[in-house]
N, C-alpha and C. Protein backbone atom coordinates (compact mmCIF):
# COMPACT_ATOMS: atom_id res chain seq x y z
N UNK A 1 67.30 113.94 177.36
CA UNK A 1 67.35 112.88 176.43
C UNK A 1 68.54 111.99 176.70
N UNK A 2 69.61 112.54 177.06
CA UNK A 2 70.77 111.74 177.38
C UNK A 2 70.48 110.92 178.61
N UNK A 3 69.64 111.47 179.40
CA UNK A 3 69.27 110.78 180.62
C UNK A 3 68.44 109.54 180.29
N UNK A 4 67.54 109.64 179.36
CA UNK A 4 66.70 108.49 179.00
C UNK A 4 67.52 107.42 178.30
N UNK A 5 68.49 107.84 177.54
CA UNK A 5 69.32 106.87 176.84
C UNK A 5 70.14 106.10 177.85
N UNK A 6 70.63 106.79 178.83
CA UNK A 6 71.42 106.14 179.86
C UNK A 6 70.56 105.21 180.67
N UNK A 7 69.31 105.59 180.94
CA UNK A 7 68.41 104.79 181.73
C UNK A 7 68.03 103.54 180.95
N UNK A 8 67.85 103.66 179.65
CA UNK A 8 67.47 102.52 178.82
C UNK A 8 68.62 101.54 178.74
N UNK A 9 69.84 102.06 178.68
CA UNK A 9 71.00 101.18 178.61
C UNK A 9 71.16 100.44 179.93
N UNK A 10 70.88 101.17 181.05
CA UNK A 10 70.98 100.51 182.34
C UNK A 10 69.92 99.44 182.48
N UNK A 11 68.75 99.71 181.96
CA UNK A 11 67.65 98.75 182.05
C UNK A 11 67.98 97.52 181.20
N UNK A 12 68.57 97.75 180.04
CA UNK A 12 68.91 96.64 179.15
C UNK A 12 70.00 95.79 179.78
N UNK A 13 70.93 96.45 180.43
CA UNK A 13 72.03 95.71 181.06
C UNK A 13 71.49 94.89 182.21
N UNK A 14 70.59 95.49 182.94
CA UNK A 14 70.01 94.79 184.08
C UNK A 14 69.16 93.62 183.61
N UNK A 15 68.44 93.82 182.51
CA UNK A 15 67.61 92.75 181.96
C UNK A 15 68.49 91.63 181.45
N UNK A 16 69.59 91.96 180.84
CA UNK A 16 70.50 90.93 180.31
C UNK A 16 71.10 90.16 181.47
N UNK A 17 71.37 90.86 182.54
CA UNK A 17 71.93 90.19 183.70
C UNK A 17 70.93 89.25 184.31
N UNK A 18 69.65 89.69 184.40
CA UNK A 18 68.61 88.83 184.93
C UNK A 18 68.39 87.61 184.03
N UNK A 19 68.49 87.83 182.72
CA UNK A 19 68.29 86.73 181.77
C UNK A 19 69.42 85.74 181.90
N UNK A 20 70.64 86.22 182.07
CA UNK A 20 71.79 85.32 182.19
C UNK A 20 71.68 84.55 183.48
N UNK A 21 71.18 85.23 184.52
CA UNK A 21 71.01 84.56 185.81
C UNK A 21 69.92 83.51 185.73
N UNK A 22 68.83 83.84 185.02
CA UNK A 22 67.73 82.89 184.86
C UNK A 22 68.19 81.71 184.04
N UNK A 23 68.99 81.97 183.02
CA UNK A 23 69.48 80.88 182.18
C UNK A 23 70.42 80.01 182.99
N UNK A 24 71.21 80.60 183.82
CA UNK A 24 72.13 79.84 184.65
C UNK A 24 71.38 78.97 185.62
N UNK A 25 70.27 79.52 186.23
CA UNK A 25 69.44 78.73 187.14
C UNK A 25 68.75 77.61 186.38
N UNK A 26 68.28 77.90 185.16
CA UNK A 26 67.56 76.90 184.38
C UNK A 26 68.52 75.80 183.97
N UNK A 27 69.75 76.17 183.59
CA UNK A 27 70.71 75.18 183.16
C UNK A 27 71.12 74.33 184.34
N UNK A 28 71.20 74.94 185.53
CA UNK A 28 71.59 74.19 186.69
C UNK A 28 70.45 73.31 187.17
N UNK A 29 69.21 73.79 187.05
CA UNK A 29 68.10 73.03 187.59
C UNK A 29 67.60 71.99 186.61
N UNK A 30 67.52 72.30 185.28
CA UNK A 30 66.91 71.37 184.34
C UNK A 30 67.93 70.49 183.66
N UNK A 31 69.06 70.91 183.41
CA UNK A 31 70.07 70.12 182.71
C UNK A 31 70.02 70.43 181.23
N UNK A 32 69.13 69.76 180.45
CA UNK A 32 69.02 69.99 179.01
C UNK A 32 67.89 70.97 178.77
N UNK A 33 68.08 71.93 177.83
CA UNK A 33 67.04 72.92 177.60
C UNK A 33 65.77 72.30 177.02
N UNK A 34 65.87 71.19 176.31
CA UNK A 34 64.68 70.57 175.74
C UNK A 34 63.78 69.97 176.81
N UNK A 35 64.35 69.70 177.96
CA UNK A 35 63.57 69.09 179.02
C UNK A 35 63.08 70.12 180.06
N UNK A 36 63.26 71.38 179.77
CA UNK A 36 62.78 72.44 180.65
C UNK A 36 61.27 72.55 180.48
N UNK A 37 60.52 72.29 181.53
CA UNK A 37 59.07 72.25 181.46
C UNK A 37 58.46 73.61 181.18
N UNK A 38 59.18 74.66 181.42
CA UNK A 38 58.62 75.98 181.15
C UNK A 38 58.53 76.25 179.65
N UNK A 39 59.27 75.48 178.80
CA UNK A 39 59.22 75.68 177.34
C UNK A 39 58.48 74.57 176.62
N UNK A 40 57.80 73.69 177.33
CA UNK A 40 57.08 72.58 176.70
C UNK A 40 55.99 73.06 175.76
N UNK A 41 55.23 74.05 176.17
CA UNK A 41 54.13 74.53 175.34
C UNK A 41 54.66 75.09 174.02
N UNK A 42 55.73 75.84 174.11
CA UNK A 42 56.34 76.39 172.90
C UNK A 42 56.87 75.27 172.01
N UNK A 43 57.52 74.26 172.59
CA UNK A 43 58.07 73.14 171.83
C UNK A 43 56.95 72.32 171.17
N UNK A 44 55.89 72.09 171.89
CA UNK A 44 54.76 71.33 171.33
C UNK A 44 54.12 72.10 170.20
N UNK A 45 53.96 73.42 170.36
CA UNK A 45 53.39 74.23 169.28
C UNK A 45 54.23 74.09 168.02
N UNK A 46 55.54 74.26 168.13
CA UNK A 46 56.39 74.20 166.93
C UNK A 46 56.48 72.76 166.38
N UNK A 47 56.36 71.78 167.24
CA UNK A 47 56.31 70.38 166.78
C UNK A 47 55.07 70.15 165.93
N UNK A 48 53.92 70.64 166.40
CA UNK A 48 52.66 70.50 165.65
C UNK A 48 52.76 71.26 164.34
N UNK A 49 53.30 72.50 164.38
CA UNK A 49 53.45 73.29 163.15
C UNK A 49 54.36 72.54 162.17
N UNK A 50 55.49 72.00 162.65
CA UNK A 50 56.42 71.29 161.79
C UNK A 50 55.77 70.04 161.20
N UNK A 51 55.01 69.28 162.00
CA UNK A 51 54.33 68.08 161.51
C UNK A 51 53.27 68.42 160.46
N UNK A 52 52.53 69.53 160.70
CA UNK A 52 51.52 69.94 159.73
C UNK A 52 52.18 70.36 158.43
N UNK A 53 53.28 71.11 158.51
CA UNK A 53 53.99 71.52 157.30
C UNK A 53 54.53 70.29 156.57
N UNK A 54 55.12 69.35 157.31
CA UNK A 54 55.64 68.11 156.69
C UNK A 54 54.50 67.33 156.06
N UNK A 55 53.35 67.26 156.76
CA UNK A 55 52.19 66.54 156.21
C UNK A 55 51.74 67.16 154.90
N UNK A 56 51.60 68.50 154.88
CA UNK A 56 51.15 69.16 153.66
C UNK A 56 52.18 69.04 152.54
N UNK A 57 53.46 69.14 152.88
CA UNK A 57 54.50 68.99 151.84
C UNK A 57 54.45 67.56 151.28
N UNK A 58 54.34 66.58 152.17
CA UNK A 58 54.29 65.20 151.70
C UNK A 58 53.01 64.91 150.93
N UNK A 59 51.85 65.35 151.47
CA UNK A 59 50.58 65.00 150.83
C UNK A 59 50.35 65.79 149.55
N UNK A 60 50.86 67.00 149.42
CA UNK A 60 50.59 67.82 148.23
C UNK A 60 51.70 67.73 147.17
N UNK A 61 52.93 67.45 147.58
CA UNK A 61 54.04 67.49 146.63
C UNK A 61 54.70 66.11 146.47
N UNK A 62 55.23 65.57 147.56
CA UNK A 62 56.07 64.36 147.46
C UNK A 62 55.24 63.12 147.13
N UNK A 63 54.16 62.88 147.88
CA UNK A 63 53.38 61.66 147.65
C UNK A 63 52.72 61.63 146.27
N UNK A 64 52.18 62.73 145.75
CA UNK A 64 51.66 62.65 144.38
C UNK A 64 52.74 62.33 143.34
N UNK A 65 53.93 62.88 143.54
CA UNK A 65 55.01 62.56 142.61
C UNK A 65 55.40 61.09 142.73
N UNK A 66 55.51 60.59 143.96
CA UNK A 66 55.84 59.18 144.17
C UNK A 66 54.74 58.30 143.58
N UNK A 67 53.47 58.69 143.81
CA UNK A 67 52.34 57.95 143.26
C UNK A 67 52.37 57.94 141.74
N UNK A 68 52.72 59.09 141.16
CA UNK A 68 52.81 59.16 139.69
C UNK A 68 53.92 58.25 139.18
N UNK A 69 55.05 58.25 139.87
CA UNK A 69 56.16 57.38 139.47
C UNK A 69 55.74 55.92 139.59
N UNK A 70 55.07 55.57 140.69
CA UNK A 70 54.63 54.18 140.89
C UNK A 70 53.58 53.79 139.84
N UNK A 71 52.65 54.72 139.55
CA UNK A 71 51.64 54.43 138.53
C UNK A 71 52.29 54.26 137.16
N UNK A 72 53.26 55.12 136.85
CA UNK A 72 53.98 55.01 135.57
C UNK A 72 54.74 53.69 135.51
N UNK A 73 55.37 53.33 136.59
CA UNK A 73 56.10 52.07 136.64
C UNK A 73 55.13 50.90 136.46
N UNK A 74 53.97 50.97 137.12
CA UNK A 74 52.97 49.90 136.98
C UNK A 74 52.47 49.81 135.55
N UNK A 75 52.22 50.96 134.92
CA UNK A 75 51.79 50.96 133.51
C UNK A 75 52.87 50.34 132.62
N UNK A 76 54.12 50.71 132.88
CA UNK A 76 55.23 50.16 132.09
C UNK A 76 55.31 48.65 132.27
N UNK A 77 55.20 48.20 133.51
CA UNK A 77 55.26 46.76 133.79
C UNK A 77 54.09 46.05 133.11
N UNK A 78 52.90 46.63 133.22
CA UNK A 78 51.72 46.01 132.61
C UNK A 78 51.87 45.95 131.09
N UNK A 79 52.35 47.05 130.50
CA UNK A 79 52.52 47.05 129.03
C UNK A 79 53.62 46.08 128.62
N UNK A 80 54.68 45.98 129.42
CA UNK A 80 55.75 45.03 129.10
C UNK A 80 55.25 43.60 129.20
N UNK A 81 54.43 43.32 130.20
CA UNK A 81 53.87 41.97 130.35
C UNK A 81 52.94 41.67 129.18
N UNK A 82 52.12 42.65 128.80
CA UNK A 82 51.23 42.46 127.66
C UNK A 82 52.04 42.23 126.38
N UNK A 83 53.11 43.01 126.20
CA UNK A 83 53.96 42.84 125.01
C UNK A 83 54.63 41.47 125.03
N UNK A 84 55.04 41.05 126.23
CA UNK A 84 55.67 39.73 126.34
C UNK A 84 54.67 38.63 126.01
N UNK A 85 53.43 38.78 126.46
CA UNK A 85 52.39 37.80 126.13
C UNK A 85 52.14 37.76 124.63
N UNK A 86 52.09 38.95 124.00
CA UNK A 86 51.89 39.00 122.54
C UNK A 86 53.05 38.32 121.82
N UNK A 87 54.27 38.62 122.27
CA UNK A 87 55.43 38.00 121.64
C UNK A 87 55.43 36.49 121.86
N UNK A 88 55.00 36.07 123.04
CA UNK A 88 54.92 34.63 123.31
C UNK A 88 53.89 33.99 122.40
N UNK A 89 52.74 34.64 122.24
CA UNK A 89 51.71 34.11 121.34
C UNK A 89 52.23 34.06 119.91
N UNK A 90 52.94 35.12 119.49
CA UNK A 90 53.52 35.12 118.14
C UNK A 90 54.56 34.02 117.99
N UNK A 91 55.35 33.80 119.04
CA UNK A 91 56.35 32.74 118.99
C UNK A 91 55.69 31.37 118.88
N UNK A 92 54.59 31.18 119.62
CA UNK A 92 53.86 29.91 119.53
C UNK A 92 53.29 29.74 118.12
N UNK A 93 52.72 30.81 117.56
CA UNK A 93 52.20 30.75 116.19
C UNK A 93 53.32 30.47 115.19
N UNK A 94 54.46 31.13 115.39
CA UNK A 94 55.60 30.91 114.49
C UNK A 94 56.09 29.47 114.59
N UNK A 95 56.10 28.93 115.80
CA UNK A 95 56.52 27.54 115.98
C UNK A 95 55.55 26.60 115.29
N UNK A 96 54.24 26.88 115.44
CA UNK A 96 53.23 26.05 114.76
C UNK A 96 53.41 26.14 113.25
N UNK A 97 53.61 27.36 112.75
CA UNK A 97 53.81 27.55 111.31
C UNK A 97 55.07 26.83 110.84
N UNK A 98 56.12 26.90 111.64
CA UNK A 98 57.38 26.22 111.31
C UNK A 98 57.17 24.72 111.27
N UNK A 99 56.51 24.18 112.30
CA UNK A 99 56.24 22.73 112.32
C UNK A 99 55.36 22.32 111.15
N UNK A 100 54.37 23.16 110.83
CA UNK A 100 53.49 22.86 109.69
C UNK A 100 54.29 22.90 108.39
N UNK A 101 55.18 23.88 108.27
CA UNK A 101 56.01 23.99 107.07
C UNK A 101 56.93 22.77 106.94
N UNK A 102 57.46 22.32 108.06
CA UNK A 102 58.32 21.12 108.04
C UNK A 102 57.49 19.91 107.63
N UNK A 103 56.29 19.78 108.21
CA UNK A 103 55.43 18.65 107.86
C UNK A 103 55.04 18.71 106.38
N UNK A 104 54.70 19.91 105.89
CA UNK A 104 54.37 20.06 104.48
C UNK A 104 55.56 19.72 103.59
N UNK A 105 56.74 20.19 104.00
CA UNK A 105 57.94 19.90 103.22
C UNK A 105 58.23 18.40 103.19
N UNK A 106 58.06 17.75 104.33
CA UNK A 106 58.28 16.29 104.37
C UNK A 106 57.27 15.58 103.50
N UNK A 107 56.02 16.03 103.57
CA UNK A 107 54.96 15.43 102.75
C UNK A 107 55.27 15.64 101.27
N UNK A 108 55.68 16.86 100.93
CA UNK A 108 56.01 17.16 99.53
C UNK A 108 57.22 16.34 99.09
N UNK A 109 58.20 16.21 99.96
CA UNK A 109 59.38 15.41 99.63
C UNK A 109 59.00 13.95 99.42
N UNK A 110 58.11 13.42 100.29
CA UNK A 110 57.66 12.04 100.13
C UNK A 110 56.89 11.88 98.82
N UNK A 111 56.08 12.89 98.48
CA UNK A 111 55.33 12.85 97.23
C UNK A 111 56.28 12.86 96.04
N UNK A 112 57.28 13.74 96.09
CA UNK A 112 58.26 13.82 95.01
C UNK A 112 59.03 12.51 94.88
N UNK A 113 59.41 11.94 96.03
CA UNK A 113 60.13 10.66 96.01
C UNK A 113 59.24 9.58 95.40
N UNK A 114 57.96 9.55 95.80
CA UNK A 114 57.04 8.54 95.26
C UNK A 114 56.86 8.73 93.76
N UNK A 115 56.71 9.98 93.31
CA UNK A 115 56.58 10.25 91.87
C UNK A 115 57.85 9.84 91.13
N UNK A 116 59.01 10.17 91.72
CA UNK A 116 60.28 9.80 91.08
C UNK A 116 60.41 8.28 91.01
N UNK A 117 60.02 7.60 92.09
CA UNK A 117 60.08 6.12 92.08
C UNK A 117 59.15 5.56 91.01
N UNK A 118 57.93 6.13 90.94
CA UNK A 118 56.98 5.64 89.94
C UNK A 118 57.52 5.88 88.54
N UNK A 119 58.10 7.06 88.30
CA UNK A 119 58.65 7.36 86.98
C UNK A 119 59.84 6.46 86.68
N UNK A 120 60.69 6.28 87.67
CA UNK A 120 61.85 5.40 87.48
C UNK A 120 61.38 3.97 87.23
N UNK A 121 60.36 3.55 88.01
CA UNK A 121 59.83 2.19 87.83
C UNK A 121 59.23 2.04 86.44
N UNK A 122 58.50 3.10 85.98
CA UNK A 122 57.91 3.07 84.64
C UNK A 122 59.01 2.98 83.59
N UNK A 123 60.04 3.82 83.73
CA UNK A 123 61.16 3.76 82.80
C UNK A 123 61.85 2.40 82.86
N UNK A 124 61.99 1.88 84.09
CA UNK A 124 62.61 0.57 84.27
C UNK A 124 61.77 -0.52 83.62
N UNK A 125 60.43 -0.42 83.79
CA UNK A 125 59.54 -1.41 83.17
C UNK A 125 59.64 -1.34 81.65
N UNK A 126 59.68 -0.10 81.11
CA UNK A 126 59.81 0.07 79.65
C UNK A 126 61.15 -0.51 79.20
N UNK A 127 62.22 -0.16 79.93
CA UNK A 127 63.54 -0.67 79.56
C UNK A 127 63.59 -2.19 79.70
N UNK A 128 62.96 -2.74 80.76
CA UNK A 128 62.94 -4.19 80.94
C UNK A 128 62.15 -4.86 79.82
N UNK A 129 61.00 -4.27 79.48
CA UNK A 129 60.20 -4.84 78.38
C UNK A 129 60.98 -4.80 77.08
N UNK A 130 61.66 -3.67 76.84
CA UNK A 130 62.46 -3.55 75.62
C UNK A 130 63.59 -4.57 75.63
N UNK A 131 64.26 -4.68 76.80
CA UNK A 131 65.35 -5.66 76.91
C UNK A 131 64.81 -7.08 76.74
N UNK A 132 63.62 -7.37 77.35
CA UNK A 132 63.02 -8.69 77.20
C UNK A 132 62.69 -8.96 75.74
N UNK A 133 62.15 -7.93 75.05
CA UNK A 133 61.83 -8.11 73.63
C UNK A 133 63.09 -8.35 72.82
N UNK A 134 64.16 -7.58 73.12
CA UNK A 134 65.42 -7.79 72.41
C UNK A 134 65.97 -9.17 72.70
N UNK A 135 65.89 -9.57 73.98
CA UNK A 135 66.38 -10.90 74.36
C UNK A 135 65.55 -11.98 73.67
N UNK A 136 64.22 -11.79 73.65
CA UNK A 136 63.37 -12.77 72.98
C UNK A 136 63.69 -12.84 71.49
N UNK A 137 63.92 -11.66 70.88
CA UNK A 137 64.27 -11.64 69.45
C UNK A 137 65.61 -12.33 69.23
N UNK A 138 66.58 -12.02 70.07
CA UNK A 138 67.90 -12.64 69.94
C UNK A 138 67.80 -14.14 70.19
N UNK A 139 66.94 -14.51 71.20
CA UNK A 139 66.77 -15.93 71.49
C UNK A 139 66.14 -16.64 70.30
N UNK A 140 65.12 -16.01 69.72
CA UNK A 140 64.47 -16.62 68.56
C UNK A 140 65.46 -16.71 67.40
N UNK A 141 66.23 -15.64 67.21
CA UNK A 141 67.24 -15.66 66.14
C UNK A 141 68.28 -16.73 66.40
N UNK A 142 68.72 -16.81 67.67
CA UNK A 142 69.71 -17.82 68.03
C UNK A 142 69.13 -19.22 67.88
N UNK A 143 67.86 -19.38 68.27
CA UNK A 143 67.24 -20.70 68.12
C UNK A 143 67.14 -21.09 66.65
N UNK A 144 66.81 -20.10 65.81
CA UNK A 144 66.73 -20.38 64.37
C UNK A 144 68.10 -20.74 63.83
N UNK A 145 69.11 -20.01 64.28
CA UNK A 145 70.47 -20.31 63.82
C UNK A 145 70.92 -21.67 64.33
N UNK A 146 70.57 -21.95 65.60
CA UNK A 146 70.93 -23.26 66.15
C UNK A 146 70.24 -24.37 65.36
N UNK A 147 68.97 -24.14 65.04
CA UNK A 147 68.22 -25.13 64.26
C UNK A 147 68.85 -25.30 62.88
N UNK A 148 69.27 -24.18 62.27
CA UNK A 148 69.95 -24.27 60.98
C UNK A 148 71.25 -25.04 61.12
N UNK A 149 71.99 -24.69 62.20
CA UNK A 149 73.26 -25.37 62.44
C UNK A 149 73.01 -26.86 62.69
N UNK A 150 71.95 -27.15 63.48
CA UNK A 150 71.63 -28.54 63.78
C UNK A 150 71.26 -29.29 62.49
N UNK A 151 70.41 -28.61 61.68
CA UNK A 151 70.02 -29.25 60.43
C UNK A 151 71.24 -29.43 59.53
N UNK A 152 72.08 -28.40 59.49
CA UNK A 152 73.31 -28.51 58.68
C UNK A 152 74.22 -29.58 59.23
N UNK A 153 74.33 -29.65 60.56
CA UNK A 153 75.18 -30.65 61.18
C UNK A 153 74.61 -32.04 60.93
N UNK A 154 73.30 -32.15 61.01
CA UNK A 154 72.66 -33.45 60.77
C UNK A 154 72.92 -33.92 59.33
N UNK A 155 72.82 -32.97 58.40
CA UNK A 155 73.11 -33.30 57.00
C UNK A 155 74.57 -33.66 56.85
N UNK A 156 75.43 -32.91 57.54
CA UNK A 156 76.87 -33.20 57.46
C UNK A 156 77.16 -34.56 58.06
N UNK A 157 76.48 -34.85 59.19
CA UNK A 157 76.69 -36.15 59.84
C UNK A 157 76.20 -37.27 58.90
N UNK A 158 75.06 -37.02 58.26
CA UNK A 158 74.53 -38.04 57.33
C UNK A 158 75.51 -38.26 56.18
N UNK A 159 76.02 -37.14 55.65
CA UNK A 159 76.97 -37.26 54.54
C UNK A 159 78.22 -38.00 54.97
N UNK A 160 78.73 -37.60 56.17
CA UNK A 160 79.94 -38.26 56.68
C UNK A 160 79.64 -39.73 56.96
N UNK A 161 78.47 -40.01 57.55
CA UNK A 161 78.12 -41.40 57.86
C UNK A 161 77.95 -42.22 56.58
N UNK A 162 77.34 -41.60 55.57
CA UNK A 162 77.17 -42.30 54.28
C UNK A 162 78.54 -42.61 53.67
N UNK A 163 79.42 -41.63 53.69
CA UNK A 163 80.74 -41.84 53.11
C UNK A 163 81.52 -42.87 53.90
N UNK A 164 81.41 -42.76 55.25
CA UNK A 164 82.14 -43.70 56.10
C UNK A 164 81.60 -45.12 55.90
N UNK A 165 80.26 -45.23 55.85
CA UNK A 165 79.66 -46.57 55.67
C UNK A 165 80.07 -47.16 54.32
N UNK A 166 80.05 -46.31 53.29
CA UNK A 166 80.43 -46.79 51.97
C UNK A 166 81.90 -47.19 51.97
N UNK A 167 82.74 -46.42 52.63
CA UNK A 167 84.17 -46.75 52.69
C UNK A 167 84.38 -48.03 53.47
N UNK A 168 83.62 -48.23 54.52
CA UNK A 168 83.76 -49.45 55.33
C UNK A 168 83.32 -50.68 54.53
N UNK A 169 82.20 -50.51 53.88
CA UNK A 169 81.69 -51.64 53.10
C UNK A 169 82.72 -51.99 52.00
N UNK A 170 83.26 -50.99 51.34
CA UNK A 170 84.25 -51.27 50.31
C UNK A 170 85.52 -51.84 50.92
N UNK A 171 85.90 -51.36 52.07
CA UNK A 171 87.11 -51.85 52.71
C UNK A 171 86.91 -53.29 53.15
N UNK A 172 85.73 -53.67 53.47
CA UNK A 172 85.48 -55.03 53.92
C UNK A 172 85.28 -55.98 52.71
N UNK A 173 85.28 -55.41 51.60
CA UNK A 173 85.23 -56.21 50.39
C UNK A 173 83.85 -56.34 49.82
N UNK A 174 82.95 -55.59 50.26
CA UNK A 174 81.60 -55.67 49.72
C UNK A 174 81.34 -54.50 48.80
N UNK A 175 80.21 -54.63 48.18
CA UNK A 175 79.85 -53.53 47.32
C UNK A 175 78.45 -53.11 47.70
N UNK A 176 78.26 -51.84 47.82
CA UNK A 176 76.95 -51.31 48.20
C UNK A 176 76.71 -50.08 47.38
N UNK A 177 75.48 -49.95 47.02
CA UNK A 177 75.19 -48.75 46.26
C UNK A 177 74.89 -47.61 47.23
N UNK A 178 74.94 -46.41 46.74
CA UNK A 178 74.77 -45.23 47.60
C UNK A 178 73.38 -45.17 48.19
N UNK A 179 72.40 -45.63 47.49
CA UNK A 179 71.03 -45.57 47.97
C UNK A 179 70.84 -46.50 49.15
N UNK A 180 71.33 -47.71 49.11
CA UNK A 180 71.17 -48.66 50.20
C UNK A 180 71.99 -48.22 51.42
N UNK A 181 73.18 -47.62 51.21
CA UNK A 181 73.99 -47.10 52.31
C UNK A 181 73.25 -45.95 52.97
N UNK A 182 72.68 -45.05 52.19
CA UNK A 182 71.96 -43.90 52.74
C UNK A 182 70.75 -44.36 53.53
N UNK A 183 70.00 -45.38 53.06
CA UNK A 183 68.84 -45.87 53.79
C UNK A 183 69.25 -46.54 55.09
N UNK A 184 70.38 -47.30 55.07
CA UNK A 184 70.87 -47.96 56.28
C UNK A 184 71.31 -46.93 57.32
N UNK A 185 72.00 -45.88 56.90
CA UNK A 185 72.46 -44.82 57.81
C UNK A 185 71.24 -44.09 58.35
N UNK A 186 70.26 -43.81 57.51
CA UNK A 186 69.07 -43.10 57.95
C UNK A 186 68.29 -43.93 58.97
N UNK A 187 68.17 -45.22 58.78
CA UNK A 187 67.49 -46.07 59.74
C UNK A 187 68.24 -46.11 61.06
N UNK A 188 69.53 -46.17 60.98
CA UNK A 188 70.34 -46.24 62.19
C UNK A 188 70.27 -44.94 62.97
N UNK A 189 70.18 -43.78 62.31
CA UNK A 189 70.12 -42.48 62.98
C UNK A 189 68.78 -42.25 63.64
N UNK A 190 67.74 -42.85 63.10
CA UNK A 190 66.41 -42.68 63.70
C UNK A 190 66.33 -43.45 65.01
N UNK A 191 67.09 -44.40 65.16
CA UNK A 191 67.08 -45.05 66.43
C UNK A 191 67.02 -46.48 66.35
């Protein structure tokens, strides 16, 4: 048994030596191990295995997650656009309602102003009519007083003229009775 162990160790040492020699020849002859044509089949096999594993990982795990994220993003964008359109429509409606409210308010203000003007004009007409009536009454009263004053003044003038005429006639040395003096003054006043 010791003999077999020794023989196996010798064989392993010899195999390692041959492998190191082969590697040295390969390194000297090929340069880079990836370009050694004796390992191309092995490299292509593992390349295909790696690509298949990457394909399955991408197609079963990564791409569905990315697709879900993109679909979720698209749904969010679509819902945001729809919400923006709704808000825009509401803003347009609010603007129309605001403009209508302003137009209604202006119309109501014009109506109130017209009613106030009509009421003020009515009050002004009543006040003017009352003032005109008062003025007409005062004018009539004043005219009556003026007529009284005129009549009184005319009588006073007649009396003064009668007295003056009688005084003049007496001063001139004549004699006249009151009746003839009054008739002469009356004729002279008539024109």
